[in-house]
Amino acid sequence: MGSSNRKGCLKYSIIVQEIGQLRNEAREKELQLKEKEQFHESEVANNREIEKKISASDRTYVRLKQELQDAERLRDTFNSEVSTLPITFLHSIIRLQKLLSIDQLTDVDFTLV
């Protein structure tokens, strides 16, 4: 019986060692899982910040695009007004000439530039 008792103690000892190893492996896996969870949470937070920046950039883009369109519209209006100035000026001179009947104005060069 002494030998079977030793075999039983040896088996028990081996089982205790295996349980200890399994516990250590479980702790290691738990640590790895916690690290992965922390990494995931960090990445989610980073993604939220990036999404906020993208959203702000999108709003800035829309605003700048609208400002550009407004500026282009103003430029076109200005160019249109400027292009009519020589004609308006010429018509004004002709009306003034007719009103004042001044022969001296006929010597003025009215070529449009």
PDB file of N, CA and C in Angstrom:
ATOM      1  N   MET A   1       0.785  -1.189   0.000  1.00  0.00           N
ATOM      2  CA  MET A   1       0.000   0.000   0.000  1.00  0.00           C
ATOM      3  C   MET A   1       0.827   1.253   0.000  1.00  0.00           C
ATOM      4  N   GLY A   2       1.969   1.158   0.504  1.00  0.00           N
ATOM      5  CA  GLY A   2       2.835   2.312   0.546  1.00  0.00           C
ATOM      6  C   GLY A   2       3.143   2.822  -0.834  1.00  0.00           C
ATOM      7  N   SER A   3       3.297   1.909  -1.792  1.00  0.00           N
ATOM      8  CA  SER A   3       3.607   2.311  -3.150  1.00  0.00           C
ATOM      9  C   SER A   3       2.401   2.934  -3.823  1.00  0.00           C
ATOM     10  N   SER A   4       1.218   2.407  -3.557  1.00  0.00           N
ATOM     11  CA  SER A   4       0.030   2.992  -4.168  1.00  0.00           C
ATOM     12  C   SER A   4      -0.262   4.352  -3.545  1.00  0.00           C
ATOM     13  N   ASN A   5       0.111   4.508  -2.283  1.00  0.00           N
ATOM     14  CA  ASN A   5      -0.067   5.797  -1.604  1.00  0.00           C
ATOM     15  C   ASN A   5       0.858   6.835  -2.228  1.00  0.00           C
ATOM     16  N   ARG A   6       2.110   6.384  -2.496  1.00  0.00           N
ATOM     17  CA  ARG A   6       3.039   7.299  -3.145  1.00  0.00           C
ATOM     18  C   ARG A   6       2.560   7.666  -4.548  1.00  0.00           C
ATOM     19  N   LYS A   7       2.030   6.682  -5.292  1.00  0.00           N
ATOM     20  CA  LYS A   7       1.516   6.950  -6.621  1.00  0.00           C
ATOM     21  C   LYS A   7       0.362   7.943  -6.551  1.00  0.00           C
ATOM     22  N   GLY A   8      -0.486   7.777  -5.567  1.00  0.00           N
ATOM     23  CA  GLY A   8      -1.620   8.689  -5.390  1.00  0.00           C
ATOM     24  C   GLY A   8      -1.136  10.088  -5.053  1.00  0.00           C
ATOM     25  N   CYS A   9      -0.121  10.186  -4.184  1.00  0.00           N
ATOM     26  CA  CYS A   9       0.443  11.496  -3.830  1.00  0.00           C
ATOM     27  C   CYS A   9       1.115  12.119  -5.036  1.00  0.00           C
ATOM     28  N   LEU A  10       1.785  11.278  -5.811  1.00  0.00           N
ATOM     29  CA  LEU A  10       2.460  11.787  -7.009  1.00  0.00           C
ATOM     30  C   LEU A  10       1.442  12.303  -8.021  1.00  0.00           C
ATOM     31  N   LYS A  11       0.357  11.540  -8.233  1.00  0.00           N
ATOM     32  CA  LYS A  11      -0.689  11.983  -9.137  1.00  0.00           C
ATOM     33  C   LYS A  11      -1.310  13.283  -8.628  1.00  0.00           C
ATOM     34  N   TYR A  12      -1.555  13.341  -7.331  1.00  0.00           N
ATOM     35  CA  TYR A  12      -2.141  14.539  -6.734  1.00  0.00           C
ATOM     36  C   TYR A  12      -1.200  15.732  -6.925  1.00  0.00           C
ATOM     37  N   SER A  13       0.088  15.491  -6.723  1.00  0.00           N
ATOM     38  CA  SER A  13       1.087  16.538  -6.880  1.00  0.00           C
ATOM     39  C   SER A  13       1.120  17.027  -8.335  1.00  0.00           C
ATOM     40  N   ILE A  14       1.051  16.100  -9.274  1.00  0.00           N
ATOM     41  CA  ILE A  14       1.057  16.459 -10.688  1.00  0.00           C
ATOM     42  C   ILE A  14      -0.203  17.264 -11.023  1.00  0.00           C
ATOM     43  N   ILE A  15      -1.327  16.843 -10.513  1.00  0.00           N
ATOM     44  CA  ILE A  15      -2.591  17.548 -10.757  1.00  0.00           C
ATOM     45  C   ILE A  15      -2.525  18.951 -10.175  1.00  0.00           C
ATOM     46  N   VAL A  16      -1.971  19.083  -8.968  1.00  0.00           N
ATOM     47  CA  VAL A  16      -1.834  20.406  -8.337  1.00  0.00           C
ATOM     48  C   VAL A  16      -0.931  21.300  -9.194  1.00  0.00           C
ATOM     49  N   GLN A  17       0.170  20.735  -9.701  1.00  0.00           N
ATOM     50  CA  GLN A  17       1.064  21.511 -10.573  1.00  0.00           C
ATOM     51  C   GLN A  17       0.346  21.948 -11.853  1.00  0.00           C
ATOM     52  N   GLU A  18      -0.422  21.027 -12.446  1.00  0.00           N
ATOM     53  CA  GLU A  18      -1.154  21.365 -13.665  1.00  0.00           C
ATOM     54  C   GLU A  18      -2.197  22.446 -13.399  1.00  0.00           C
ATOM     55  N   ILE A  19      -2.853  22.352 -12.257  1.00  0.00           N
ATOM     56  CA  ILE A  19      -3.834  23.388 -11.897  1.00  0.00           C
ATOM     57  C   ILE A  19      -3.120  24.732 -11.738  1.00  0.00           C
ATOM     58  N   GLY A  20      -1.965  24.711 -11.099  1.00  0.00           N
ATOM     59  CA  GLY A  20      -1.175  25.938 -10.937  1.00  0.00           C
ATOM     60  C   GLY A  20      -0.785  26.524 -12.294  1.00  0.00           C
ATOM     61  N   GLN A  21      -0.356  25.677 -13.211  1.00  0.00           N
ATOM     62  CA  GLN A  21       0.011  26.133 -14.553  1.00  0.00           C
ATOM     63  C   GLN A  21      -1.203  26.715 -15.284  1.00  0.00           C
ATOM     64  N   LEU A  22      -2.338  26.024 -15.149  1.00  0.00           N
ATOM     65  CA  LEU A  22      -3.553  26.512 -15.790  1.00  0.00           C
ATOM     66  C   LEU A  22      -3.969  27.877 -15.218  1.00  0.00           C
ATOM     67  N   ARG A  23      -3.812  28.040 -13.917  1.00  0.00           N
ATOM     68  CA  ARG A  23      -4.138  29.324 -13.287  1.00  0.00           C
ATOM     69  C   ARG A  23      -3.217  30.429 -13.813  1.00  0.00           C
ATOM     70  N   ASN A  24      -1.910  30.098 -13.906  1.00  0.00           N
ATOM     71  CA  ASN A  24      -0.955  31.086 -14.451  1.00  0.00           C
ATOM     72  C   ASN A  24      -1.317  31.448 -15.894  1.00  0.00           C
ATOM     73  N   GLU A  25      -1.648  30.443 -16.698  1.00  0.00           N
ATOM     74  CA  GLU A  25      -2.048  30.704 -18.080  1.00  0.00           C
ATOM     75  C   GLU A  25      -3.317  31.559 -18.123  1.00  0.00           C
ATOM     76  N   ALA A  26      -4.246  31.269 -17.229  1.00  0.00           N
ATOM     77  CA  ALA A  26      -5.488  32.033 -17.181  1.00  0.00           C
ATOM     78  C   ALA A  26      -5.202  33.494 -16.810  1.00  0.00           C
ATOM     79  N   ARG A  27      -4.281  33.713 -15.841  1.00  0.00           N
ATOM     80  CA  ARG A  27      -3.900  35.082 -15.461  1.00  0.00           C
ATOM     81  C   ARG A  27      -3.253  35.814 -16.643  1.00  0.00           C
ATOM     82  N   GLU A  28      -2.362  35.107 -17.340  1.00  0.00           N
ATOM     83  CA  GLU A  28      -1.701  35.707 -18.498  1.00  0.00           C
ATOM     84  C   GLU A  28      -2.728  36.073 -19.587  1.00  0.00           C
ATOM     85  N   LYS A  29      -3.653  35.165 -19.837  1.00  0.00           N
ATOM     86  CA  LYS A  29      -4.691  35.433 -20.842  1.00  0.00           C
ATOM     87  C   LYS A  29      -5.572  36.605 -20.392  1.00  0.00           C
ATOM     88  N   GLU A  30      -5.866  36.664 -19.106  1.00  0.00           N
ATOM     89  CA  GLU A  30      -6.669  37.769 -18.578  1.00  0.00           C
ATOM     90  C   GLU A  30      -5.935  39.097 -18.745  1.00  0.00           C
ATOM     91  N   LEU A  31      -4.614  39.111 -18.468  1.00  0.00           N
ATOM     92  CA  LEU A  31      -3.808  40.317 -18.669  1.00  0.00           C
ATOM     93  C   LEU A  31      -3.798  40.720 -20.153  1.00  0.00           C
ATOM     94  N   GLN A  32      -3.621  39.758 -21.021  1.00  0.00           N
ATOM     95  CA  GLN A  32      -3.635  40.042 -22.461  1.00  0.00           C
ATOM     96  C   GLN A  32      -4.990  40.613 -22.885  1.00  0.00           C
ATOM     97  N   LEU A  33      -6.053  40.030 -22.343  1.00  0.00           N
ATOM     98  CA  LEU A  33      -7.391  40.504 -22.671  1.00  0.00           C
ATOM     99  C   LEU A  33      -7.591  41.942 -22.176  1.00  0.00           C
ATOM    100  N   LYS A  34      -7.134  42.236 -20.956  1.00  0.00           N
ATOM    101  CA  LYS A  34      -7.250  43.603 -20.427  1.00  0.00           C
ATOM    102  C   LYS A  34      -6.452  44.588 -21.285  1.00  0.00           C
ATOM    103  N   GLU A  35      -5.249  44.186 -21.704  1.00  0.00           N
ATOM    104  CA  GLU A  35      -4.435  45.039 -22.573  1.00  0.00           C
ATOM    105  C   GLU A  35      -5.147  45.296 -23.896  1.00  0.00           C
ATOM    106  N   LYS A  36      -5.738  44.257 -24.457  1.00  0.00           N
ATOM    107  CA  LYS A  36      -6.461  44.413 -25.715  1.00  0.00           C
ATOM    108  C   LYS A  36      -7.694  45.300 -25.532  1.00  0.00           C
ATOM    109  N   GLU A  37      -8.384  45.157 -24.410  1.00  0.00           N
ATOM    110  CA  GLU A  37      -9.543  46.004 -24.133  1.00  0.00           C
ATOM    111  C   GLU A  37      -9.122  47.467 -23.990  1.00  0.00           C
ATOM    112  N   GLN A  38      -8.011  47.701 -23.296  1.00  0.00           N
ATOM    113  CA  GLN A  38      -7.514  49.069 -23.140  1.00  0.00           C
ATOM    114  C   GLN A  38      -7.110  49.655 -24.499  1.00  0.00           C
ATOM    115  N   PHE A  39      -6.447  48.842 -25.301  1.00  0.00           N
ATOM    116  CA  PHE A  39      -6.057  49.286 -26.634  1.00  0.00           C
ATOM    117  C   PHE A  39      -7.303  49.624 -27.461  1.00  0.00           C
ATOM    118  N   HIS A  40      -8.288  48.762 -27.402  1.00  0.00           N
ATOM    119  CA  HIS A  40      -9.527  48.984 -28.142  1.00  0.00           C
ATOM    120  C   HIS A  40     -10.202  50.275 -27.676  1.00  0.00           C
ATOM    121  N   GLU A  41     -10.307  50.477 -26.373  1.00  0.00           N
ATOM    122  CA  GLU A  41     -10.919  51.697 -25.843  1.00  0.00           C
ATOM    123  C   GLU A  41     -10.140  52.936 -26.302  1.00  0.00           C
ATOM    124  N   SER A  42      -8.826  52.825 -26.292  1.00  0.00           N
ATOM    125  CA  SER A  42      -7.984  53.928 -26.746  1.00  0.00           C
ATOM    126  C   SER A  42      -8.231  54.220 -28.219  1.00  0.00           C
ATOM    127  N   GLU A  43      -8.316  53.192 -29.031  1.00  0.00           N
ATOM    128  CA  GLU A  43      -8.564  53.357 -30.460  1.00  0.00           C
ATOM    129  C   GLU A  43      -9.948  53.950 -30.720  1.00  0.00           C
ATOM    130  N   VAL A  44     -10.939  53.522 -29.954  1.00  0.00           N
ATOM    131  CA  VAL A  44     -12.290  54.077 -30.102  1.00  0.00           C
ATOM    132  C   VAL A  44     -12.272  55.565 -29.775  1.00  0.00           C
ATOM    133  N   ALA A  45     -11.567  55.939 -28.691  1.00  0.00           N
ATOM    134  CA  ALA A  45     -11.460  57.356 -28.320  1.00  0.00           C
ATOM    135  C   ALA A  45     -10.728  58.144 -29.411  1.00  0.00           C
ATOM    136  N   ASN A  46      -9.641  57.579 -29.936  1.00  0.00           N
ATOM    137  CA  ASN A  46      -8.913  58.235 -31.034  1.00  0.00           C
ATOM    138  C   ASN A  46      -9.802  58.413 -32.258  1.00  0.00           C
ATOM    139  N   ASN A  47     -10.580  57.381 -32.570  1.00  0.00           N
ATOM    140  CA  ASN A  47     -11.481  57.467 -33.720  1.00  0.00           C
ATOM    141  C   ASN A  47     -12.518  58.565 -33.526  1.00  0.00           C
ATOM    142  N   ARG A  48     -13.034  58.698 -32.314  1.00  0.00           N
ATOM    143  CA  ARG A  48     -14.002  59.770 -32.036  1.00  0.00           C
ATOM    144  C   ARG A  48     -13.373  61.132 -32.270  1.00  0.00           C
ATOM    145  N   GLU A  49     -12.134  61.307 -31.808  1.00  0.00           N
ATOM    146  CA  GLU A  49     -11.435  62.588 -32.012  1.00  0.00           C
ATOM    147  C   GLU A  49     -11.210  62.855 -33.504  1.00  0.00           C
ATOM    148  N   ILE A  50     -10.809  61.823 -34.219  1.00  0.00           N
ATOM    149  CA  ILE A  50     -10.584  61.979 -35.655  1.00  0.00           C
ATOM    150  C   ILE A  50     -11.900  62.316 -36.355  1.00  0.00           C
ATOM    151  N   GLU A  51     -12.991  61.663 -35.956  1.00  0.00           N
ATOM    152  CA  GLU A  51     -14.299  61.958 -36.552  1.00  0.00           C
ATOM    153  C   GLU A  51     -14.707  63.406 -36.275  1.00  0.00           C
ATOM    154  N   LYS A  52     -14.416  63.899 -35.077  1.00  0.00           N
ATOM    155  CA  LYS A  52     -14.716  65.301 -34.753  1.00  0.00           C
ATOM    156  C   LYS A  52     -13.914  66.236 -35.660  1.00  0.00           C
ATOM    157  N   LYS A  53     -12.629  65.917 -35.856  1.00  0.00           N
ATOM    158  CA  LYS A  53     -11.782  66.747 -36.716  1.00  0.00           C
ATOM    159  C   LYS A  53     -12.269  66.702 -38.166  1.00  0.00           C
ATOM    160  N   ILE A  54     -12.659  65.531 -38.623  1.00  0.00           N
ATOM    161  CA  ILE A  54     -13.170  65.402 -39.990  1.00  0.00           C
ATOM    162  C   ILE A  54     -14.453  66.212 -40.141  1.00  0.00           C
ATOM    163  N   SER A  55     -15.320  66.119 -39.151  1.00  0.00           N
ATOM    164  CA  SER A  55     -16.574  66.870 -39.190  1.00  0.00           C
ATOM    165  C   SER A  55     -16.312  68.373 -39.218  1.00  0.00           C
ATOM    166  N   ALA A  56     -15.369  68.826 -38.386  1.00  0.00           N
ATOM    167  CA  ALA A  56     -15.015  70.249 -38.371  1.00  0.00           C
ATOM    168  C   ALA A  56     -14.411  70.655 -39.726  1.00  0.00           C
ATOM    169  N   SER A  57     -13.579  69.802 -40.294  1.00  0.00           N
ATOM    170  CA  SER A  57     -12.990  70.088 -41.606  1.00  0.00           C
ATOM    171  C   SER A  57     -14.065  70.142 -42.690  1.00  0.00           C
ATOM    172  N   ASP A  58     -15.035  69.251 -42.599  1.00  0.00           N
ATOM    173  CA  ASP A  58     -16.134  69.269 -43.570  1.00  0.00           C
ATOM    174  C   ASP A  58     -16.917  70.579 -43.477  1.00  0.00           C
ATOM    175  N   ARG A  59     -17.201  71.021 -42.251  1.00  0.00           N
ATOM    176  CA  ARG A  59     -17.926  72.283 -42.078  1.00  0.00           C
ATOM    177  C   ARG A  59     -17.107  73.451 -42.620  1.00  0.00           C
ATOM    178  N   THR A  60     -15.803  73.447 -42.355  1.00  0.00           N
ATOM    179  CA  THR A  60     -14.928  74.500 -42.865  1.00  0.00           C
ATOM    180  C   THR A  60     -14.914  74.477 -44.389  1.00  0.00           C
ATOM    181  N   TYR A  61     -14.849  73.298 -44.974  1.00  0.00           N
ATOM    182  CA  TYR A  61     -14.850  73.163 -46.427  1.00  0.00           C
ATOM    183  C   TYR A  61     -16.125  73.754 -47.023  1.00  0.00           C
ATOM    184  N   VAL A  62     -17.276  73.409 -46.434  1.00  0.00           N
ATOM    185  CA  VAL A  62     -18.555  73.912 -46.949  1.00  0.00           C
ATOM    186  C   VAL A  62     -18.599  75.437 -46.842  1.00  0.00           C
ATOM    187  N   ARG A  63     -18.133  75.971 -45.702  1.00  0.00           N
ATOM    188  CA  ARG A  63     -18.136  77.420 -45.504  1.00  0.00           C
ATOM    189  C   ARG A  63     -17.217  78.106 -46.514  1.00  0.00           C
ATOM    190  N   LEU A  64     -16.011  77.577 -46.690  1.00  0.00           N
ATOM    191  CA  LEU A  64     -15.061  78.172 -47.628  1.00  0.00           C
ATOM    192  C   LEU A  64     -15.557  78.071 -49.075  1.00  0.00           C
ATOM    193  N   LYS A  65     -16.199  76.965 -49.389  1.00  0.00           N
ATOM    194  CA  LYS A  65     -16.748  76.806 -50.736  1.00  0.00           C
ATOM    195  C   LYS A  65     -17.823  77.856 -50.981  1.00  0.00           C
ATOM    196  N   GLN A  66     -18.672  78.088 -49.980  1.00  0.00           N
ATOM    197  CA  GLN A  66     -19.714  79.106 -50.113  1.00  0.00           C
ATOM    198  C   GLN A  66     -19.097  80.499 -50.245  1.00  0.00           C
ATOM    199  N   GLU A  67     -18.060  80.766 -49.451  1.00  0.00           N
ATOM    200  CA  GLU A  67     -17.377  82.063 -49.535  1.00  0.00           C
ATOM    201  C   GLU A  67     -16.752  82.260 -50.916  1.00  0.00           C
ATOM    202  N   LEU A  68     -16.171  81.196 -51.466  1.00  0.00           N
ATOM    203  CA  LEU A  68     -15.585  81.265 -52.805  1.00  0.00           C
ATOM    204  C   LEU A  68     -16.663  81.572 -53.846  1.00  0.00           C
ATOM    205  N   GLN A  69     -17.793  80.886 -53.754  1.00  0.00           N
ATOM    206  CA  GLN A  69     -18.881  81.133 -54.701  1.00  0.00           C
ATOM    207  C   GLN A  69     -19.385  82.571 -54.586  1.00  0.00           C
ATOM    208  N   ASP A  70     -19.493  83.068 -53.343  1.00  0.00           N
ATOM    209  CA  ASP A  70     -19.918  84.459 -53.146  1.00  0.00           C
ATOM    210  C   ASP A  70     -18.906  85.422 -53.761  1.00  0.00           C
ATOM    211  N   ALA A  71     -17.618  85.157 -53.530  1.00  0.00           N
ATOM    212  CA  ALA A  71     -16.564  86.027 -54.075  1.00  0.00           C
ATOM    213  C   ALA A  71     -16.572  85.982 -55.604  1.00  0.00           C
ATOM    214  N   GLU A  72     -16.770  84.803 -56.192  1.00  0.00           N
ATOM    215  CA  GLU A  72     -16.826  84.693 -57.646  1.00  0.00           C
ATOM    216  C   GLU A  72     -18.034  85.454 -58.200  1.00  0.00           C
ATOM    217  N   ARG A  73     -19.161  85.366 -57.496  1.00  0.00           N
ATOM    218  CA  ARG A  73     -20.351  86.102 -57.922  1.00  0.00           C
ATOM    219  C   ARG A  73     -20.096  87.613 -57.867  1.00  0.00           C
ATOM    220  N   LEU A  74     -19.459  88.060 -56.779  1.00  0.00           N
ATOM    221  CA  LEU A  74     -19.129  89.482 -56.659  1.00  0.00           C
ATOM    222  C   LEU A  74     -18.161  89.919 -57.761  1.00  0.00           C
ATOM    223  N   ARG A  75     -17.167  89.077 -58.048  1.00  0.00           N
ATOM    224  CA  ARG A  75     -16.212  89.379 -59.108  1.00  0.00           C
ATOM    225  C   ARG A  75     -16.907  89.499 -60.461  1.00  0.00           C
ATOM    226  N   ASP A  76     -17.806  88.564 -60.732  1.00  0.00           N
ATOM    227  CA  ASP A  76     -18.531  88.603 -62.004  1.00  0.00           C
ATOM    228  C   ASP A  76     -19.388  89.859 -62.108  1.00  0.00           C
ATOM    229  N   THR A  77     -20.058  90.214 -61.010  1.00  0.00           N
ATOM    230  CA  THR A  77     -20.866  91.436 -61.004  1.00  0.00           C
ATOM    231  C   THR A  77     -19.990  92.653 -61.220  1.00  0.00           C
ATOM    232  N   PHE A  78     -18.854  92.697 -60.539  1.00  0.00           N
ATOM    233  CA  PHE A  78     -17.919  93.809 -60.679  1.00  0.00           C
ATOM    234  C   PHE A  78     -17.418  93.907 -62.122  1.00  0.00           C
ATOM    235  N   ASN A  79     -16.996  92.769 -62.675  1.00  0.00           N
ATOM    236  CA  ASN A  79     -16.495  92.763 -64.062  1.00  0.00           C
ATOM    237  C   ASN A  79     -17.572  93.219 -65.036  1.00  0.00           C
ATOM    238  N   SER A  80     -18.797  92.779 -64.794  1.00  0.00           N
ATOM    239  CA  SER A  80     -19.899  93.194 -65.663  1.00  0.00           C
ATOM    240  C   SER A  80     -20.116  94.697 -65.578  1.00  0.00           C
ATOM    241  N   GLU A  81     -20.089  95.221 -64.362  1.00  0.00           N
ATOM    242  CA  GLU A  81     -20.267  96.664 -64.183  1.00  0.00           C
ATOM    243  C   GLU A  81     -19.118  97.451 -64.811  1.00  0.00           C
ATOM    244  N   VAL A  82     -17.897  96.967 -64.612  1.00  0.00           N
ATOM    245  CA  VAL A  82     -16.723  97.643 -65.170  1.00  0.00           C
ATOM    246  C   VAL A  82     -16.767  97.612 -66.702  1.00  0.00           C
ATOM    247  N   SER A  83     -17.216  96.501 -67.262  1.00  0.00           N
ATOM    248  CA  SER A  83     -17.245  96.399 -68.729  1.00  0.00           C
ATOM    249  C   SER A  83     -18.267  97.354 -69.344  1.00  0.00           C
ATOM    250  N   THR A  84     -19.278  97.753 -68.589  1.00  0.00           N
ATOM    251  CA  THR A  84     -20.277  98.696 -69.126  1.00  0.00           C
ATOM    252  C   THR A  84     -19.860 100.151 -68.921  1.00  0.00           C
ATOM    253  N   LEU A  85     -18.850 100.400 -68.145  1.00  0.00           N
ATOM    254  CA  LEU A  85     -18.435 101.783 -67.870  1.00  0.00           C
ATOM    255  C   LEU A  85     -18.045 102.568 -69.120  1.00  0.00           C
ATOM    256  N   PRO A  86     -17.236 102.038 -70.026  1.00  0.00           N
ATOM    257  CA  PRO A  86     -16.882 102.836 -71.220  1.00  0.00           C
ATOM    258  C   PRO A  86     -18.116 103.238 -72.035  1.00  0.00           C
ATOM    259  N   ILE A  87     -19.052 102.311 -72.185  1.00  0.00           N
ATOM    260  CA  ILE A  87     -20.266 102.622 -72.943  1.00  0.00           C
ATOM    261  C   ILE A  87     -21.088 103.675 -72.208  1.00  0.00           C
ATOM    262  N   THR A  88     -21.234 103.507 -70.909  1.00  0.00           N
ATOM    263  CA  THR A  88     -21.977 104.483 -70.109  1.00  0.00           C
ATOM    264  C   THR A  88     -21.306 105.840 -70.174  1.00  0.00           C
ATOM    265  N   PHE A  89     -19.990 105.828 -70.093  1.00  0.00           N
ATOM    266  CA  PHE A  89     -19.239 107.085 -70.164  1.00  0.00           C
ATOM    267  C   PHE A  89     -19.451 107.751 -71.525  1.00  0.00           C
ATOM    268  N   LEU A  90     -19.378 106.961 -72.581  1.00  0.00           N
ATOM    269  CA  LEU A  90     -19.569 107.494 -73.931  1.00  0.00           C
ATOM    270  C   LEU A  90     -20.969 108.078 -74.092  1.00  0.00           C
ATOM    271  N   HIS A  91     -21.967 107.370 -73.641  1.00  0.00           N
ATOM    272  CA  HIS A  91     -23.340 107.875 -73.724  1.00  0.00           C
ATOM    273  C   HIS A  91     -23.504 109.156 -72.915  1.00  0.00           C
ATOM    274  N   SER A  92     -22.862 109.201 -71.769  1.00  0.00           N
ATOM    275  CA  SER A  92     -22.943 110.414 -70.950  1.00  0.00           C
ATOM    276  C   SER A  92     -22.306 111.601 -71.669  1.00  0.00           C
ATOM    277  N   ILE A  93     -21.168 111.386 -72.292  1.00  0.00           N
ATOM    278  CA  ILE A  93     -20.491 112.455 -73.039  1.00  0.00           C
ATOM    279  C   ILE A  93     -21.374 112.933 -74.190  1.00  0.00           C
ATOM    280  N   ILE A  94     -21.958 111.979 -74.910  1.00  0.00           N
ATOM    281  CA  ILE A  94     -22.808 112.341 -76.048  1.00  0.00           C
ATOM    282  C   ILE A  94     -24.017 113.144 -75.573  1.00  0.00           C
ATOM    283  N   ARG A  95     -24.656 112.706 -74.483  1.00  0.00           N
ATOM    284  CA  ARG A  95     -25.794 113.462 -73.941  1.00  0.00           C
ATOM    285  C   ARG A  95     -25.366 114.855 -73.492  1.00  0.00           C
ATOM    286  N   LEU A  96     -24.216 114.898 -72.837  1.00  0.00           N
ATOM    287  CA  LEU A  96     -23.707 116.193 -72.371  1.00  0.00           C
ATOM    288  C   LEU A  96     -23.424 117.100 -73.568  1.00  0.00           C
ATOM    289  N   GLN A  97     -22.845 116.513 -74.604  1.00  0.00           N
ATOM    290  CA  GLN A  97     -22.548 117.291 -75.814  1.00  0.00           C
ATOM    291  C   GLN A  97     -23.832 117.834 -76.430  1.00  0.00           C
ATOM    292  N   LYS A  98     -24.849 116.991 -76.485  1.00  0.00           N
ATOM    293  CA  LYS A  98     -26.122 117.433 -77.046  1.00  0.00           C
ATOM    294  C   LYS A  98     -26.757 118.523 -76.178  1.00  0.00           C
ATOM    295  N   LEU A  99     -26.646 118.331 -74.853  1.00  0.00           N
ATOM    296  CA  LEU A  99     -27.256 119.312 -73.955  1.00  0.00           C
ATOM    297  C   LEU A  99     -26.547 120.663 -74.023  1.00  0.00           C
ATOM    298  N   LEU A 100     -25.255 120.615 -74.095  1.00  0.00           N
ATOM    299  CA  LEU A 100     -24.486 121.857 -74.054  1.00  0.00           C
ATOM    300  C   LEU A 100     -24.186 122.407 -75.452  1.00  0.00           C
ATOM    301  N   SER A 101     -24.379 121.573 -76.459  1.00  0.00           N
ATOM    302  CA  SER A 101     -24.081 121.949 -77.842  1.00  0.00           C
ATOM    303  C   SER A 101     -22.705 122.597 -77.948  1.00  0.00           C
ATOM    304  N   ILE A 102     -21.737 121.931 -77.391  1.00  0.00           N
ATOM    305  CA  ILE A 102     -20.369 122.444 -77.421  1.00  0.00           C
ATOM    306  C   ILE A 102     -19.627 121.720 -78.521  1.00  0.00           C
ATOM    307  N   ASP A 103     -19.128 122.487 -79.479  1.00  0.00           N
ATOM    308  CA  ASP A 103     -18.406 121.912 -80.608  1.00  0.00           C
ATOM    309  C   ASP A 103     -17.024 121.417 -80.191  1.00  0.00           C
ATOM    310  N   GLN A 104     -16.503 121.924 -79.111  1.00  0.00           N
ATOM    311  CA  GLN A 104     -15.143 121.549 -78.707  1.00  0.00           C
ATOM    312  C   GLN A 104     -15.071 120.072 -78.300  1.00  0.00           C
ATOM    313  N   LEU A 105     -16.167 119.500 -77.827  1.00  0.00           N
ATOM    314  CA  LEU A 105     -16.142 118.105 -77.388  1.00  0.00           C
ATOM    315  C   LEU A 105     -16.047 117.134 -78.551  1.00  0.00           C
ATOM    316  N   THR A 106     -16.333 117.602 -79.755  1.00  0.00           N
ATOM    317  CA  THR A 106     -16.272 116.703 -80.915  1.00  0.00           C
ATOM    318  C   THR A 106     -14.857 116.273 -81.208  1.00  0.00           C
ATOM    319  N   ASP A 107     -13.880 116.983 -80.698  1.00  0.00           N
ATOM    320  CA  ASP A 107     -12.480 116.620 -80.921  1.00  0.00           C
ATOM    321  C   ASP A 107     -12.009 115.516 -79.974  1.00  0.00           C
ATOM    322  N   VAL A 108     -12.822 115.139 -78.998  1.00  0.00           N
ATOM    323  CA  VAL A 108     -12.428 114.120 -78.017  1.00  0.00           C
ATOM    324  C   VAL A 108     -12.493 112.743 -78.682  1.00  0.00           C
ATOM    325  N   ASP A 109     -11.474 111.915 -78.424  1.00  0.00           N
ATOM    326  CA  ASP A 109     -11.409 110.569 -78.991  1.00  0.00           C
ATOM    327  C   ASP A 109     -12.245 109.630 -78.117  1.00  0.00           C
ATOM    328  N   PHE A 110     -13.305 109.055 -78.679  1.00  0.00           N
ATOM    329  CA  PHE A 110     -14.219 108.216 -77.911  1.00  0.00           C
ATOM    330  C   PHE A 110     -14.005 106.725 -78.178  1.00  0.00           C
ATOM    331  N   THR A 111     -12.834 106.331 -78.559  1.00  0.00           N
ATOM    332  CA  THR A 111     -12.583 104.923 -78.817  1.00  0.00           C
ATOM    333  C   THR A 111     -12.682 104.146 -77.511  1.00  0.00           C
ATOM    334  N   LEU A 112     -13.307 102.991 -77.591  1.00  0.00           N
ATOM    335  CA  LEU A 112     -13.454 102.140 -76.394  1.00  0.00           C
ATOM    336  C   LEU A 112     -12.224 101.268 -76.243  1.00  0.00           C
ATOM    337  N   VAL A 113     -11.747 101.193 -75.040  1.00  0.00           N
ATOM    338  CA  VAL A 113     -10.575 100.405 -74.772  1.00  0.00           C
ATOM    339  C   VAL A 113     -10.997  99.135 -74.098  1.00  0.00           C
TER     340      VAL A 113
END
